[in-house]
Protein backbone atom coordinates (compact mmCIF):
# COMPACT_ATOMS: atom_id res chain seq x y z
CA MET A 1 0.00 0.00 0.00
CA ASN A 2 1.22 3.53 -0.83
CA ILE A 3 2.04 5.69 2.21
CA ARG A 4 1.73 9.41 2.90
CA ASN A 5 2.95 10.93 6.17
CA VAL A 6 1.46 14.32 7.05
CA ALA A 7 1.19 16.53 10.14
CA ILE A 8 -1.70 18.85 10.91
CA ILE A 9 -0.38 22.14 12.28
CA ALA A 10 -2.13 25.35 13.30
CA HIS A 11 -2.63 27.99 15.92
CA VAL A 12 -4.56 26.84 18.98
CA ASP A 13 -8.33 26.49 18.41
CA HIS A 14 -8.20 26.74 14.62
CA GLY A 15 -9.77 23.30 14.25
CA LYS A 16 -6.99 20.72 13.75
CA THR A 17 -8.49 18.00 15.94
CA THR A 18 -12.00 18.52 14.60
CA LEU A 19 -10.63 18.20 11.06
CA VAL A 20 -8.98 14.88 11.96
CA ASP A 21 -12.38 13.67 13.22
CA GLN A 22 -13.92 14.41 9.84
CA LEU A 23 -11.06 12.84 7.90
CA LEU A 24 -11.61 9.65 9.92
CA LYS A 25 -15.37 9.71 9.43
CA LYS A 26 -15.25 10.43 5.69
CA SER A 27 -12.63 7.77 4.90
CA SER A 28 -12.97 3.99 4.69
CA THR A 29 -10.99 3.57 7.90
CA LEU A 30 -13.64 2.95 10.54
CA ALA A 31 -15.46 -0.35 10.79
CA ALA A 32 -19.10 -0.40 9.70
CA ARG A 33 -20.50 0.00 13.22
CA GLU A 34 -17.65 2.02 14.66
CA THR A 35 -18.35 5.60 15.68
CA ILE A 36 -16.07 8.25 17.11
CA ASP A 37 -16.65 10.87 19.75
CA GLU A 38 -16.24 14.54 18.97
CA ARG A 39 -12.53 15.49 19.04
CA ALA A 40 -11.62 11.82 19.39
CA MET A 41 -7.87 12.47 19.18
CA ASP A 42 -8.02 14.51 22.40
CA SER A 43 -8.21 11.51 24.71
CA ASN A 44 -7.13 13.30 27.89
CA ASP A 45 -9.95 14.71 30.08
CA ILE A 46 -8.20 18.07 30.37
CA GLU A 47 -7.75 18.25 26.59
CA ARG A 48 -11.49 17.75 26.16
CA GLU A 49 -12.46 20.24 28.86
CA ARG A 50 -10.15 23.01 27.67
CA GLY A 51 -10.41 22.35 23.95
CA ILE A 52 -6.63 22.10 23.47
CA THR A 53 -4.27 19.40 22.26
CA ILE A 54 -1.44 18.79 24.75
CA LEU A 55 0.53 15.90 23.28
CA SER A 56 0.99 14.93 19.64
CA LYS A 57 -1.03 11.91 18.60
CA ASN A 58 -0.98 9.87 15.46
CA THR A 59 -3.54 7.93 13.53
CA ALA A 60 -3.70 6.33 10.09
CA ILE A 61 -6.44 6.61 7.49
CA LYS A 62 -7.24 4.38 4.55
CA TYR A 63 -8.20 6.26 1.38
CA LYS A 64 -8.39 4.43 -1.94
CA ASP A 65 -5.10 2.50 -2.18
CA TYR A 66 -3.27 4.77 0.24
CA LYS A 67 -2.44 4.68 3.90
CA ILE A 68 -2.23 8.25 5.21
CA ASN A 69 -0.45 8.59 8.56
CA ILE A 70 -1.68 11.77 10.23
CA LEU A 71 -0.11 13.43 13.27
CA ASP A 72 -2.32 15.83 15.22
CA THR A 73 -0.04 18.37 16.93
CA PRO A 74 -0.55 20.90 19.76
CA GLY A 75 -1.12 24.51 18.82
CA HIS A 76 -0.12 26.11 22.11
CA ALA A 77 3.44 27.43 22.43
CA ASP A 78 3.99 25.60 25.75
CA PHE A 79 3.87 22.31 23.82
CA SER A 80 5.89 23.48 20.85
CA GLY A 81 8.58 20.85 21.51
CA GLU A 82 6.08 18.25 20.29
CA VAL A 83 5.66 20.16 17.00
CA GLU A 84 9.39 20.50 16.38
CA ARG A 85 10.05 16.78 16.70
CA ILE A 86 7.23 15.41 14.58
CA MET A 87 8.56 17.36 11.58
CA LYS A 88 11.18 14.60 11.36
CA MET A 89 8.46 11.98 10.80
CA VAL A 90 6.43 13.56 8.00
CA ASP A 91 6.88 14.71 4.40
CA GLY A 92 4.27 17.45 4.33
CA VAL A 93 1.88 19.45 6.48
CA LEU A 94 -1.73 20.57 6.46
CA LEU A 95 -1.61 24.17 7.68
CA VAL A 96 -5.07 24.86 9.12
CA ILE A 97 -6.11 28.51 9.46
CA ASP A 98 -9.31 30.05 10.79
CA ALA A 99 -11.15 31.95 8.04
CA VAL A 100 -11.95 34.76 10.51
CA ASP A 101 -8.83 34.99 12.71
CA GLY A 102 -6.27 34.56 9.93
CA THR A 103 -2.61 33.98 10.75
CA MET A 104 -1.69 34.03 14.46
CA PRO A 105 1.56 33.64 16.48
CA GLN A 106 1.46 29.84 16.60
CA THR A 107 0.67 29.83 12.87
CA ARG A 108 3.98 31.64 12.39
CA PHE A 109 5.83 29.26 14.73
CA VAL A 110 4.58 25.95 13.30
CA LEU A 111 4.91 27.11 9.69
CA LYS A 112 8.46 28.29 10.34
CA LYS A 113 9.36 24.83 11.67
CA ALA A 114 7.75 23.15 8.65
CA LEU A 115 9.57 25.40 6.18
CA GLU A 116 12.91 24.88 7.95
CA SER A 117 12.37 21.12 7.56
CA ASN A 118 11.74 21.69 3.81
CA LEU A 119 8.24 20.20 4.03
CA LYS A 120 5.57 20.73 1.42
CA PRO A 121 2.53 22.58 2.87
CA ILE A 122 -1.13 22.38 1.93
CA VAL A 123 -3.19 25.28 3.28
CA VAL A 124 -6.64 24.45 4.66
CA ILE A 125 -8.86 27.46 5.35
CA ASN A 126 -11.25 26.22 8.05
CA LYS A 127 -14.53 27.63 9.43
CA VAL A 128 -15.51 29.20 6.09
CA ASP A 129 -19.14 29.05 7.23
CA ARG A 130 -18.54 31.47 10.12
CA GLU A 131 -19.99 34.96 10.07
CA TRP A 132 -17.29 37.46 9.03
CA ALA A 133 -15.30 34.70 7.30
CA ARG A 134 -12.81 36.23 4.84
CA PRO A 135 -11.12 33.24 3.15
CA ASP A 136 -9.61 35.14 0.20
CA LYS A 137 -8.03 37.79 2.43
CA VAL A 138 -6.71 35.09 4.77
CA VAL A 139 -5.04 33.31 1.83
CA ASP A 140 -3.28 36.60 1.00
CA GLN A 141 -2.16 36.83 4.64
CA VAL A 142 -0.80 33.29 4.43
CA LEU A 143 1.17 34.08 1.26
CA ASP A 144 2.65 37.17 2.94
CA LEU A 145 3.67 35.00 5.91
CA PHE A 146 5.31 32.42 3.59
CA ILE A 147 7.34 35.17 1.92
CA GLU A 148 8.25 36.75 5.28
CA LEU A 149 9.50 33.40 6.60
CA GLY A 150 11.67 32.80 3.53
CA ALA A 151 9.73 29.97 1.90
CA SER A 152 11.21 28.51 -1.28
CA ASP A 153 9.34 28.82 -4.58
CA TYR A 154 8.44 25.13 -4.21
CA GLN A 155 6.86 25.76 -0.80
CA ALA A 156 5.21 29.09 -1.64
CA ASP A 157 3.38 27.45 -4.58
CA PHE A 158 0.90 25.87 -2.16
CA LYS A 159 -2.53 24.45 -2.90
CA VAL A 160 -5.55 25.61 -0.89
CA ALA A 161 -8.62 23.74 0.31
CA TYR A 162 -11.61 25.36 2.02
CA CYS A 163 -13.69 23.57 4.62
CA SER A 164 -15.94 23.60 7.63
CA ALA A 165 -14.55 20.83 9.82
CA LEU A 166 -17.49 21.20 12.19
CA ARG A 167 -20.00 20.51 9.41
CA GLY A 168 -17.82 18.02 7.53
CA THR A 169 -17.81 19.94 4.24
CA SER A 170 -14.98 20.97 1.91
CA SER A 171 -14.16 22.17 -1.60
CA LEU A 172 -11.32 23.70 -3.60
CA SER A 173 -13.12 27.04 -3.99
CA SER A 174 -13.63 29.90 -1.53
CA ASP A 175 -17.24 30.14 -2.73
CA LEU A 176 -19.36 28.83 0.15
CA SER A 177 -21.94 27.37 -2.27
CA THR A 178 -19.38 24.84 -3.53
CA GLN A 179 -19.01 23.17 -0.13
CA LYS A 180 -20.07 19.50 -0.13
CA GLU A 181 -20.26 16.88 2.61
CA THR A 182 -16.99 15.20 1.77
CA MET A 183 -13.30 15.43 2.62
CA ASP A 184 -12.21 14.07 -0.79
CA PRO A 185 -10.72 17.40 -1.97
CA ILE A 186 -8.34 17.38 1.02
CA PHE A 187 -7.52 13.68 0.62
CA ASP A 188 -6.78 14.16 -3.08
CA LEU A 189 -4.50 17.12 -2.35
CA ILE A 190 -2.57 15.04 0.20
CA ILE A 191 -2.02 12.30 -2.37
CA SER A 192 -1.06 14.65 -5.21
CA GLU A 193 0.99 17.23 -3.26
CA ILE A 194 2.67 15.35 -0.41
CA PRO A 195 5.61 13.24 -1.67
CA GLU A 196 6.17 9.62 -0.78
CA PRO A 197 8.45 9.01 2.23
CA PRO A 198 12.11 9.26 1.08
CA VAL A 199 12.99 5.82 2.45
CA GLN A 200 14.73 2.65 1.29
CA ALA A 201 12.48 -0.38 1.28
CA ASP A 202 15.49 -2.71 1.10
CA GLY A 203 18.63 -2.62 3.14
CA PRO A 204 19.52 -2.86 6.83
CA LEU A 205 17.05 -1.50 9.40
CA GLN A 206 17.17 2.16 10.39
CA PHE A 207 14.52 3.69 12.69
CA GLN A 208 14.62 6.86 14.78
CA GLY A 209 12.36 7.56 17.76
CA THR A 210 10.81 11.03 17.54
CA LEU A 211 8.09 10.88 20.21
CA LEU A 212 7.76 8.89 23.41
CA ASP A 213 4.84 6.98 24.88
CA TYR A 214 4.57 5.01 28.10
CA ASN A 215 2.30 2.50 29.75
CA ASP A 216 2.63 0.22 32.77
CA TYR A 217 2.63 -2.98 30.68
CA VAL A 218 5.46 -2.44 28.21
CA GLY A 219 7.12 0.65 29.71
CA ARG A 220 8.64 3.31 27.51
CA MET A 221 8.00 3.23 23.76
CA ALA A 222 9.63 5.20 20.96
CA ILE A 223 7.34 6.37 18.14
CA GLY A 224 8.95 7.17 14.82
CA ARG A 225 9.25 6.47 11.11
CA ILE A 226 11.18 3.54 9.64
CA SER A 227 13.76 5.12 7.33
CA ARG A 228 15.15 1.90 5.88
CA GLY A 229 14.42 -1.81 5.83
CA THR A 230 11.90 -3.82 7.81
CA ILE A 231 11.43 -4.21 11.57
CA HIS A 232 10.15 -7.39 13.25
CA THR A 233 8.85 -8.24 16.70
CA GLY A 234 11.33 -10.36 18.67
CA GLU A 235 14.45 -9.51 16.64
CA MET A 236 17.69 -8.36 18.25
CA VAL A 237 18.71 -4.84 17.22
CA SER A 238 21.24 -2.16 18.13
CA CYS A 239 20.38 1.26 19.53
CA ILE A 240 22.81 4.13 18.95
CA ARG A 241 22.43 6.30 22.06
CA THR A 242 22.64 10.08 22.13
CA ASP A 243 26.14 9.86 23.61
CA GLY A 244 27.34 7.65 20.73
CA SER A 245 27.37 4.38 22.68
CA ILE A 246 25.60 1.26 21.35
CA LYS A 247 23.12 -0.87 23.29
CA GLN A 248 21.70 -4.13 21.95
CA PHE A 249 18.17 -5.22 22.88
CA ARG A 250 15.27 -7.38 21.69
CA ILE A 251 12.15 -5.73 20.29
CA GLN A 252 9.50 -6.72 22.79
CA LYS A 253 6.42 -5.23 21.13
CA LEU A 254 5.73 -3.46 17.85
CA PHE A 255 2.60 -1.32 17.38
CA GLY A 256 1.02 0.11 14.25
CA PHE A 257 -1.77 2.66 14.01
CA LEU A 258 -5.10 2.60 12.17
CA GLY A 259 -8.09 4.78 12.90
CA LEU A 260 -8.55 5.10 16.65
CA HIS A 261 -6.54 2.00 17.45
CA LYS A 262 -2.95 1.15 18.29
CA MET A 263 -2.53 -2.45 17.13
CA GLU A 264 0.16 -4.99 17.84
CA VAL A 265 1.90 -6.05 14.61
CA ASP A 266 4.62 -8.56 13.78
CA GLU A 267 6.45 -6.43 11.21
CA ALA A 268 6.45 -2.99 9.65
CA LEU A 269 8.02 -1.63 6.45
CA ALA A 270 10.06 1.43 5.53
CA GLY A 271 8.02 4.64 5.49
CA ASP A 272 5.51 3.55 8.11
CA ILE A 273 5.12 5.11 11.56
CA VAL A 274 5.26 2.62 14.44
CA ALA A 275 5.85 2.38 18.20
CA VAL A 276 8.71 0.19 19.44
CA SER A 277 9.19 -1.16 22.99
CA GLY A 278 11.95 -3.24 24.54
CA LEU A 279 14.55 -0.70 25.71
CA PRO A 280 13.38 0.82 29.03
CA ASP A 281 15.42 4.03 28.74
CA ILE A 282 15.20 4.70 25.00
CA ASN A 283 15.19 8.42 24.24
CA VAL A 284 14.14 10.79 21.49
CA GLY A 285 16.65 10.95 18.60
CA GLU A 286 18.26 7.56 19.21
CA THR A 287 18.56 5.29 16.17
CA ILE A 288 17.60 1.61 16.08
CA CYS A 289 19.67 -0.36 13.55
CA GLN A 290 20.42 -3.86 12.38
CA ILE A 291 23.22 -5.38 14.48
CA GLY A 292 26.53 -4.91 12.70
CA VAL A 293 25.23 -2.03 10.55
CA GLU A 294 25.08 0.78 13.10
CA GLU A 295 24.48 4.04 11.23
CA ALA A 296 23.01 6.93 13.23
CA LEU A 297 20.45 9.30 11.74
CA PRO A 298 20.95 13.07 12.35
CA PRO A 299 20.22 14.01 15.98
CA ILE A 300 16.94 15.64 16.96
CA LYS A 301 17.12 18.86 18.94
CA ILE A 302 14.91 18.94 22.02
CA SER A 303 13.77 22.40 23.08
CA GLU A 304 14.99 23.47 26.49
CA PRO A 305 12.55 24.40 29.29
CA THR A 306 12.13 28.13 29.99
CA VAL A 307 10.12 28.09 33.26
CA GLU A 308 10.75 26.23 36.52
CA MET A 309 8.75 25.58 39.66
CA TYR A 310 9.51 24.05 43.05
CA PHE A 311 7.34 21.06 44.05
CA SER A 312 7.37 19.70 47.60
CA THR A 313 5.41 17.35 49.84
CA ASN A 314 2.50 18.97 51.63
CA ASP A 315 3.43 20.16 55.14
CA SER A 316 0.27 22.10 55.98
CA PRO A 317 -1.87 21.21 59.03
CA PHE A 318 -4.25 19.42 56.65
CA SER A 319 -1.51 17.23 55.17
CA GLY A 320 -2.65 13.69 54.33
CA LYS A 321 -6.36 14.35 54.91
CA GLU A 322 -7.48 14.61 51.28
CA GLY A 323 -4.91 12.89 49.08
CA THR A 324 -4.24 9.23 48.30
CA PHE A 325 -0.57 9.70 47.33
CA VAL A 326 1.16 12.07 49.75
CA THR A 327 4.67 10.70 50.36
CA SER A 328 7.85 11.90 48.65
CA THR A 329 8.36 8.41 47.19
CA LYS A 330 4.99 8.43 45.42
CA ILE A 331 5.41 11.97 44.14
CA ASP A 332 8.93 11.20 42.92
CA GLU A 333 7.68 8.11 41.03
CA ARG A 334 4.88 10.12 39.41
CA LEU A 335 7.17 12.95 38.29
CA PHE A 336 9.67 10.45 36.89
CA ARG A 337 6.88 8.68 35.00
CA GLU A 338 5.89 11.97 33.40
CA THR A 339 9.43 12.48 32.08
CA GLN A 340 9.18 9.07 30.39
CA LYS A 341 6.74 10.45 27.80
CA ASP A 342 7.30 14.22 27.94
CA VAL A 343 10.90 14.99 27.00
CA SER A 344 10.30 18.76 27.29
CA LEU A 345 9.84 18.28 31.05
CA LYS A 346 12.83 18.12 33.38
CA VAL A 347 12.69 16.97 37.01
CA LYS A 348 15.51 17.33 39.53
CA ARG A 349 15.19 16.05 43.09
CA LEU A 350 16.96 18.21 45.66
CA GLY A 351 19.22 15.84 47.59
CA ALA A 352 17.38 13.21 49.57
CA GLY A 353 14.78 15.74 50.68
CA GLU A 354 11.16 16.24 49.75
CA GLU A 355 11.60 18.97 47.12
CA TRP A 356 11.92 18.89 43.34
CA ILE A 357 12.66 21.48 40.68
CA VAL A 358 10.27 20.83 37.78
CA SER A 359 11.09 22.70 34.55
CA GLY A 360 8.85 23.06 31.50
CA ARG A 361 8.04 25.20 28.48
CA GLY A 362 5.62 27.55 30.26
CA GLU A 363 2.98 28.07 32.93
CA LEU A 364 0.38 26.05 31.02
CA HIS A 365 2.79 23.13 30.54
CA LEU A 366 3.41 22.89 34.31
CA GLY A 367 -0.21 23.71 35.17
CA ILE A 368 -1.45 20.74 33.12
CA LEU A 369 0.95 18.43 35.00
CA ILE A 370 -0.28 19.76 38.37
CA GLU A 371 -3.93 19.31 37.37
CA ASN A 372 -3.33 15.74 36.12
CA MET A 373 -1.57 14.79 39.36
CA ARG A 374 -4.33 16.34 41.45
CA ARG A 375 -7.00 14.34 39.63
CA GLU A 376 -5.00 11.16 40.09
CA GLY A 377 -5.08 11.57 43.89
CA TYR A 378 -1.74 13.27 44.58
CA GLU A 379 -1.30 15.85 47.31
CA PHE A 380 1.62 18.30 47.26
CA GLN A 381 2.50 21.99 47.22
CA VAL A 382 4.18 24.25 44.66
CA GLU A 383 5.87 27.64 44.55
CA LYS A 384 5.39 30.48 42.08
CA PRO A 385 6.72 29.66 38.57
CA LYS A 386 9.91 31.50 37.59
CA PRO A 387 11.81 31.91 34.31
CA ILE A 388 15.03 29.91 34.04
CA ILE A 389 18.10 32.17 34.12
CA LYS A 390 21.14 31.02 32.11
CA GLU A 391 24.69 32.29 32.07
CA ILE A 392 25.75 33.05 28.49
CA ASN A 393 29.17 34.61 27.78
CA GLY A 394 29.53 35.53 31.44
CA ARG A 395 26.17 37.34 31.64
CA ASN A 396 22.89 36.31 33.24
CA CYS A 397 20.29 35.87 30.50
CA GLU A 398 16.54 35.27 30.64
CA PRO A 399 14.03 34.00 28.03
CA PHE A 400 12.25 36.51 25.81
CA GLU A 401 9.06 35.86 23.84
CA TYR A 402 7.34 37.09 20.69
CA THR A 403 3.94 38.30 21.92
CA GLN A 404 0.86 39.11 19.85
CA VAL A 405 -2.09 40.96 21.36
CA ASP A 406 -5.50 41.55 19.78
CA CYS A 407 -7.78 43.92 21.66
CA PRO A 408 -10.69 46.35 21.04
CA ASN A 409 -9.58 49.78 19.87
CA GLU A 410 -10.98 51.53 22.93
CA THR A 411 -8.77 49.48 25.29
CA VAL A 412 -5.46 49.91 23.43
CA GLY A 413 -4.14 52.65 25.71
CA GLY A 414 -4.55 50.58 28.89
CA VAL A 415 -3.06 47.47 27.27
CA ILE A 416 0.00 49.36 25.97
CA GLU A 417 0.58 50.86 29.43
CA LEU A 418 0.27 47.41 31.08
CA LEU A 419 2.70 45.70 28.69
CA GLY A 420 5.15 48.58 28.97
CA ARG A 421 5.24 48.17 32.77
CA ARG A 422 5.96 44.47 32.24
CA GLY A 423 9.07 45.16 30.16
CA GLY A 424 7.46 44.77 26.74
CA VAL A 425 8.94 46.50 23.68
CA MET A 426 6.42 47.26 20.94
CA GLU A 427 7.51 46.07 17.49
CA SER A 428 4.47 46.91 15.35
CA VAL A 429 0.81 47.99 15.37
CA GLU A 430 -1.92 46.96 12.95
CA ASN A 431 -5.33 48.66 13.09
CA SER A 432 -8.74 47.57 11.83
CA PRO A 433 -12.13 49.30 12.28
CA THR A 434 -12.78 47.61 15.64
CA GLN A 435 -9.60 45.75 16.66
CA THR A 436 -5.92 46.56 17.09
CA ARG A 437 -3.11 44.00 16.80
CA LEU A 438 0.04 44.75 18.82
CA ILE A 439 3.32 42.86 18.37
CA TYR A 440 5.70 42.92 21.35
CA THR A 441 8.98 41.41 22.44
CA MET A 442 8.69 40.62 26.15
CA PRO A 443 10.72 38.88 28.86
CA SER A 444 9.01 35.66 30.02
CA ARG A 445 9.17 37.13 33.52
CA GLY A 446 6.80 39.88 32.44
CA LEU A 447 4.27 37.37 31.10
CA ILE A 448 4.04 35.32 34.31
CA GLY A 449 0.93 36.41 36.18
CA LEU A 450 -0.17 38.77 33.41
CA SER A 451 -3.41 37.10 32.29
CA THR A 452 -5.76 38.56 34.93
CA ASP A 453 -4.47 42.13 34.57
CA PHE A 454 -4.58 41.80 30.78
CA MET A 455 -8.20 40.67 30.77
CA THR A 456 -9.08 43.62 33.03
CA ALA A 457 -7.22 46.08 30.79
CA SER A 458 -8.89 44.71 27.63
CA LYS A 459 -12.32 44.51 29.36
CA GLY A 460 -12.43 40.77 28.79
CA TYR A 461 -12.27 40.99 25.00
CA GLY A 462 -8.52 40.74 24.40
CA THR A 463 -6.51 37.71 23.30
CA MET A 464 -2.80 37.29 23.93
CA THR A 465 -0.48 34.59 22.57
CA HIS A 466 3.28 34.25 22.81
CA ILE A 467 6.11 31.98 21.68
CA PHE A 468 9.71 31.65 22.85
CA LEU A 469 12.23 33.75 20.92
CA ASP A 470 15.65 33.47 22.56
CA TYR A 471 17.72 34.25 25.64
CA ARG A 472 18.81 37.85 26.19
CA PRO A 473 20.65 39.68 29.00
CA THR A 474 18.51 40.02 32.12
CA GLU A 475 16.90 43.42 32.55
CA SER A 476 16.45 45.18 35.90
CA LEU A 477 12.67 44.92 36.07
CA ASN A 478 10.46 44.58 39.10
CA VAL A 479 7.60 42.72 37.44
CA GLY A 480 5.35 39.82 38.24
CA SER A 481 4.70 40.67 41.92
CA ARG A 482 1.17 41.24 43.19
CA LYS A 483 0.47 44.85 44.19
CA LEU A 484 -2.11 44.16 46.90
CA GLY A 485 -1.61 42.28 50.15
CA VAL A 486 -3.64 39.31 51.32
CA LEU A 487 -5.93 38.46 54.22
CA VAL A 488 -4.33 35.61 56.18
CA ALA A 489 -6.18 33.41 58.70
CA SER A 490 -4.82 33.91 62.22
CA ASN A 491 -6.65 30.87 63.66
CA THR A 492 -7.42 27.29 62.69
CA GLY A 493 -11.02 26.09 62.57
CA LYS A 494 -14.29 26.41 60.65
CA THR A 495 -15.12 29.76 59.11
CA THR A 496 -18.24 31.50 60.39
CA ALA A 497 -20.56 34.02 58.78
CA TYR A 498 -19.90 36.32 61.75
CA GLY A 499 -16.11 36.08 61.41
CA ILE A 500 -16.17 36.69 57.65
CA GLY A 501 -18.67 39.53 58.04
CA GLN A 502 -16.31 41.29 60.45
CA VAL A 503 -13.46 41.44 57.91
CA GLU A 504 -15.00 41.42 54.44
CA ASP A 505 -14.84 45.20 54.24
CA ARG A 506 -11.03 44.83 54.34
CA GLY A 507 -10.91 43.24 50.89
CA ILE A 508 -12.24 40.39 48.71
CA MET A 509 -12.83 37.03 50.40
CA PHE A 510 -11.81 33.63 48.96
CA VAL A 511 -13.75 31.58 51.55
CA GLU A 512 -17.35 31.19 52.63
CA PRO A 513 -18.89 30.07 55.94
CA ASN A 514 -18.40 26.51 57.24
CA MET A 515 -15.05 25.93 55.48
CA GLU A 516 -12.05 24.45 57.30
CA VAL A 517 -9.07 26.82 57.34
CA TYR A 518 -5.74 26.83 59.17
CA GLU A 519 -3.47 29.53 60.55
CA GLY A 520 -1.41 30.96 57.70
CA GLU A 521 -3.93 30.11 54.96
CA ILE A 522 -4.77 32.98 52.60
CA VAL A 523 -8.52 33.61 52.87
CA GLY A 524 -8.83 36.80 50.81
CA GLU A 525 -7.20 39.72 49.06
CA CYS A 526 -6.55 42.84 51.11
CA ASN A 527 -7.56 46.23 49.71
CA LYS A 528 -4.17 47.62 50.80
CA SER A 529 -0.61 46.71 49.90
CA ASP A 530 0.19 45.07 53.26
CA ASP A 531 -0.87 41.63 54.45
CA LEU A 532 -3.43 41.50 57.25
CA ALA A 533 -4.01 38.67 59.74
CA VAL A 534 -7.75 38.12 60.26
CA ASN A 535 -9.87 35.82 62.39
CA VAL A 536 -12.50 34.30 60.08
CA VAL A 537 -13.37 31.46 62.52
CA LYS A 538 -14.58 33.88 65.20
CA ALA A 539 -18.06 33.09 66.54
CA LYS A 540 -20.49 35.65 67.87
CA GLU A 541 -20.26 35.91 71.61
CA GLN A 542 -23.26 34.31 73.35
CA THR A 543 -24.79 36.07 76.39
CA ASN A 544 -28.00 35.72 78.39
CA GLN A 545 -28.85 39.35 77.72
CA ARG A 546 -31.35 40.25 75.03
CA SER A 547 -30.11 42.85 72.62
CA SER A 548 -32.05 46.07 72.38
CA ASN A 549 -31.51 45.89 68.63
CA LYS A 550 -32.95 43.09 66.55
CA ASP A 551 -30.33 40.64 65.23
CA PHE A 552 -30.27 40.68 61.45
CA THR A 553 -29.17 37.74 59.31
CA VAL A 554 -25.63 38.31 58.05
CA VAL A 555 -25.63 38.81 54.27
CA LEU A 556 -22.18 38.13 52.80
CA LYS A 557 -20.74 38.93 49.41
CA ARG A 558 -20.04 36.03 47.11
CA PRO A 559 -16.40 34.88 47.52
CA MET A 560 -13.97 35.00 44.60
CA THR A 561 -13.09 31.61 43.12
CA LEU A 562 -9.63 31.22 41.57
CA SER A 563 -8.71 28.54 39.03
CA LEU A 564 -5.45 26.59 39.28
CA GLU A 565 -3.74 28.81 36.69
CA ALA A 566 -5.07 31.95 38.39
CA CYS A 567 -3.65 30.74 41.72
CA LEU A 568 -0.23 30.09 40.16
CA GLU A 569 -0.28 33.64 38.78
CA TYR A 570 -1.50 35.10 42.08
CA ILE A 571 1.01 33.82 44.64
CA ASN A 572 4.11 35.78 45.62
CA ASP A 573 7.56 34.45 46.47
CA ASP A 574 6.69 34.06 50.18
CA GLU A 575 3.60 31.97 49.43
CA LEU A 576 2.73 28.44 48.34
CA LEU A 577 -0.12 26.71 46.56
CA GLU A 578 -1.37 23.59 48.35
CA VAL A 579 -2.82 21.14 45.82
CA THR A 580 -5.05 18.20 46.83
CA PRO A 581 -7.68 16.15 44.95
CA ARG A 582 -10.45 18.09 46.72
CA ASN A 583 -9.07 21.59 47.24
CA ILE A 584 -6.57 24.18 46.05
CA ARG A 585 -5.45 26.44 48.90
CA LEU A 586 -3.27 29.52 48.92
CA ARG A 587 -1.01 29.77 51.98
CA LYS A 588 2.01 31.55 53.41
CA LYS A 589 5.31 29.67 53.62
CA ILE A 590 5.55 30.71 57.30
CA LEU A 591 2.21 29.74 58.83
CA ASN A 592 2.63 31.07 62.37
CA THR A 593 1.36 34.66 62.50
CA SER A 594 3.89 36.05 65.00
CA GLU A 595 6.87 34.31 63.33
CA ARG A 596 5.78 35.61 59.95
CA LYS A 597 5.50 39.18 61.25
CA LYS A 598 9.02 38.96 62.74
CA PHE A 599 10.39 37.64 59.45
CA ASP A 600 8.66 40.39 57.44
CA SER A 601 9.98 43.01 59.83
CA ARG A 602 13.57 41.79 59.50
CA LYS A 603 13.20 41.63 55.71
CA ALA A 604 11.93 45.24 55.58
CA LYS A 605 14.96 46.48 57.57
CA SER A 606 17.53 44.62 55.45
């Protein structure tokens, strides 16, 4: 069977995963009675809830006499390492672009990676049925982006398909009336435009792992394309490690892909994409060869993390009450298991203690890990995320990011002021009748904790996306710290309506009556810059005297609820986030009120 290997790339929420659903449905891949859920490739609960793809996934589709291997990639910059690596496995890309939004920062990033890998692109203009769709103008934008990124004549001569992945229609014309309930125009473009894999069917085996997968039954698996020869289950092979050493092992299991299934197979041929198990510590970029014919394929660069966060076992007064896995051993095993399939994540245990430095590609990358662990029953605490500082040529350098902002025209002034305070340097401005697009270069430090202030400045209508640029000398900026103080519980117990009512005029509360709190827990935001210790468990004093005034029922304001990401943005350097399966609590590192005041006093004098 003829093979085509193609990746679907796009900015986040432009419809990649929905398009894969339709390609599966409209092909002859699924069995007669087999159905698929909406966004079937997003198998993780968090992916489904948030509408984002986190890890690259691959499937295969049968169309006529062809097997089309399709890789669905993340669109968010925090998972860009996935995109970079899969370019080594494919021979072309489907660049999906929203017919309303047009080109966006991740469009630029993923297209740049595809062009650098000399891949042939097919442009798919999605959501052509949306109100305000402008497919012809978007195609012009795409061409401008190709030219700007230095595409070759071969790449810039791209074919265009128009579709509504949600409705399952497509055509080769921007005229909406030509849309039909079929994906054949896209399939036919893949076959005609994407070249066959440049592989050798005969000759000694050569396979390079590009992605990693892991399960408890077979351990770590390398997913990649067979560049030469044939691979068989049970055969002895050599693995050329990243350090140049050679390790021999037996192929334990071999998996192929078709539709929604990963199937065990006995052999696979050159050009196909398979998963190989048998070497417990196999890594991305290592080459599997026939014994005696060890020839390494070019190494694969793995993007370095840019943000780090301290994890530690929970030491709050409520430690062990809500989690199933609370010990350092369990947390260490779980973090190590995550590194088995996510090579962009780095974990370093600090000595024999109960702390780890976990490094990733951004706040979202680490936030997804925290949320997954919480749902699995783990209990732990984390510090505020910080950018990773590197020493380059004797100077401390920090990561900078290309940042694109779209906001209503009437909010531009406030947004520009906010980004300027955060160390942003404006590169360009593009105006439209209702919206303004701002391009900035910003230190990653200035982006941490920015989301809430940005949404306030843009009145909830702004969108902001960013991708890593490079490391530059550290600037003397005081950014990322919260301006207002917090209300901190001075006593342990159950909150009361009376206690909350006594202090709610001091700020915004995070708790409501009848909640368990402990001394040192943050229960609200103060309306002043200093922290304030408050007693929210105080009960109304009972006497045998009747009051001359009638007692009124206490009416409290609704407390503010913070999401996990909002909490990570909110905390300062002297605070922690306690994470359990049932609750997320903000707390001070020093819980005792008097000790904390002494520490703050000494810090203010120094």
